[in-house]
Amino acid sequence: MSSEAMLARASHVFIGVIQKHQLESWPFFHMKVPWGGPADAKYWKILRREVHIEMVLRGTESRKVVDVYEIFWTGGTSGDWNSTHDQERALFLVRVESGRYHVVRPLRANMDETDLLVVITEQ
């Protein structure tokens, strides 16, 4: 997905400082990804970033601190995975889904827009 397509999908764009990262535990939910099998799904986790908003560039947000969620790979990797760190300033392209901010970006370089769906279902 191109940067233009990601920007077009974003309902909100803001600059913020990441205050905290946390991998969320969803004991009553099971994540299914639209590629790979159950063995691969266990390496995808829900990452919650607590973000202090410095400037809203698109959309409206009155809170100074928000949670931003992302499906994040926790298995073995090599190369630059665009990991972020606490106290780092970042540009956030997000969509509101189920009342929560979710990062707009592909999970793999060769994904199309329909591949961005990650379904979380009750077990």
Protein backbone atom coordinates (compact mmCIF):
# COMPACT_ATOMS: atom_id res chain seq x y z
CA MET A 1 0.00 0.00 0.00
CA SER A 2 1.42 3.37 -0.97
CA SER A 3 1.84 6.24 1.48
CA GLU A 4 -0.89 8.11 -0.45
CA ALA A 5 -3.32 5.20 -0.01
CA MET A 6 -2.49 4.97 3.69
CA LEU A 7 -3.13 8.68 4.13
CA ALA A 8 -6.44 8.35 2.25
CA ARG A 9 -7.53 5.53 4.62
CA ALA A 10 -6.66 7.50 7.77
CA SER A 11 -9.56 9.23 9.52
CA HIS A 12 -7.13 10.97 11.88
CA VAL A 13 -3.51 12.07 11.57
CA PHE A 14 -1.53 13.38 14.51
CA ILE A 15 1.97 13.87 15.84
CA GLY A 16 2.59 12.49 19.28
CA VAL A 17 5.14 11.19 21.76
CA ILE A 18 4.89 7.53 22.74
CA GLN A 19 4.69 7.32 26.52
CA LYS A 20 4.35 3.55 26.88
CA HIS A 21 4.21 0.31 24.85
CA GLN A 22 2.28 -2.71 26.04
CA LEU A 23 1.44 -6.04 24.41
CA GLU A 24 -2.21 -6.60 25.23
CA SER A 25 -3.44 -9.89 26.63
CA TRP A 26 -6.78 -10.93 25.20
CA PRO A 27 -7.57 -14.14 27.12
CA PHE A 28 -11.14 -14.37 25.82
CA PHE A 29 -10.33 -13.65 22.20
CA HIS A 30 -8.63 -15.56 19.43
CA MET A 31 -6.90 -13.78 16.58
CA LYS A 32 -7.20 -15.06 13.02
CA VAL A 33 -4.99 -13.58 10.32
CA PRO A 34 -5.99 -13.84 6.63
CA TRP A 35 -2.70 -15.49 5.66
CA GLY A 36 -0.62 -18.33 7.07
CA GLY A 37 -1.99 -20.82 9.53
CA PRO A 38 -2.60 -21.12 13.26
CA ALA A 39 1.12 -21.58 13.83
CA ASP A 40 1.79 -18.09 12.38
CA ALA A 41 -1.11 -16.41 14.20
CA LYS A 42 0.51 -16.91 17.62
CA TYR A 43 3.31 -14.47 16.67
CA TRP A 44 0.92 -11.59 15.89
CA LYS A 45 0.04 -9.65 19.06
CA ILE A 46 -2.00 -6.57 19.83
CA LEU A 47 0.33 -3.70 20.70
CA ARG A 48 -1.10 -0.73 22.60
CA ARG A 49 0.82 2.52 22.58
CA GLU A 50 -0.09 5.28 25.01
CA VAL A 51 0.49 8.46 23.00
CA HIS A 52 0.62 12.08 24.15
CA ILE A 53 -0.81 14.10 21.25
CA GLU A 54 1.16 17.22 20.35
CA MET A 55 -0.63 18.25 17.16
CA VAL A 56 -3.72 17.02 15.29
CA LEU A 57 -3.28 17.31 11.52
CA ARG A 58 -6.54 15.62 10.44
CA GLY A 59 -9.70 14.93 12.39
CA THR A 60 -10.66 16.12 15.85
CA GLU A 61 -9.31 14.87 19.16
CA SER A 62 -9.73 16.77 22.43
CA ARG A 63 -7.88 14.31 24.67
CA LYS A 64 -4.17 14.91 25.25
CA VAL A 65 -3.39 11.19 25.72
CA VAL A 66 -4.89 8.37 23.63
CA ASP A 67 -4.27 4.67 23.09
CA VAL A 68 -3.24 3.56 19.61
CA TYR A 69 -3.54 -0.13 18.70
CA GLU A 70 -1.60 -2.09 16.12
CA ILE A 71 -1.26 -5.74 15.18
CA PHE A 72 2.45 -6.38 15.70
CA TRP A 73 4.75 -9.28 14.75
CA THR A 74 6.61 -10.75 17.75
CA GLY A 75 8.34 -13.65 15.99
CA GLY A 76 11.90 -13.68 14.71
CA THR A 77 12.83 -10.94 12.23
CA SER A 78 15.78 -9.38 10.52
CA GLY A 79 16.27 -5.92 9.07
CA ASP A 80 14.42 -2.70 9.86
CA TRP A 81 10.95 -3.44 11.22
CA ASN A 82 10.01 0.14 12.04
CA SER A 83 9.86 -0.57 15.74
CA THR A 84 9.13 2.40 17.94
CA HIS A 85 10.34 3.17 21.45
CA ASP A 86 9.07 5.01 24.52
CA GLN A 87 9.62 8.79 24.44
CA GLU A 88 9.89 8.72 20.65
CA ARG A 89 7.96 11.25 18.55
CA ALA A 90 6.02 9.78 15.63
CA LEU A 91 3.47 10.60 12.97
CA PHE A 92 0.31 8.51 13.44
CA LEU A 93 -2.04 7.69 10.57
CA VAL A 94 -4.98 6.01 12.28
CA ARG A 95 -8.58 4.93 11.75
CA VAL A 96 -11.28 4.69 14.39
CA GLU A 97 -12.51 1.09 14.56
CA SER A 98 -14.78 -0.12 17.35
CA GLY A 99 -14.13 3.15 19.19
CA ARG A 100 -10.34 2.66 19.20
CA TYR A 101 -7.52 4.13 17.14
CA HIS A 102 -5.81 1.58 14.90
CA VAL A 103 -2.63 2.26 12.92
CA VAL A 104 -3.17 2.40 9.14
CA ARG A 105 -0.39 0.49 7.42
CA PRO A 106 0.17 -2.77 5.63
CA LEU A 107 1.55 -5.68 7.60
CA ARG A 108 3.64 -6.90 4.65
CA ALA A 109 5.01 -5.05 1.65
CA ASN A 110 2.98 -7.07 -0.90
CA MET A 111 -0.41 -6.80 0.82
CA ASP A 112 -3.40 -5.17 -0.78
CA GLU A 113 -6.13 -3.31 1.09
CA THR A 114 -8.29 -6.39 1.64
CA ASP A 115 -5.39 -8.11 3.44
CA LEU A 116 -5.43 -5.46 6.18
CA LEU A 117 -8.35 -7.12 7.91
CA VAL A 118 -7.41 -8.95 11.08
CA VAL A 119 -10.36 -10.57 12.75
CA ILE A 120 -10.55 -10.91 16.52
CA THR A 121 -13.26 -13.35 17.53
CA GLU A 122 -14.48 -14.62 20.89
CA GLN A 123 -13.29 -18.11 21.73
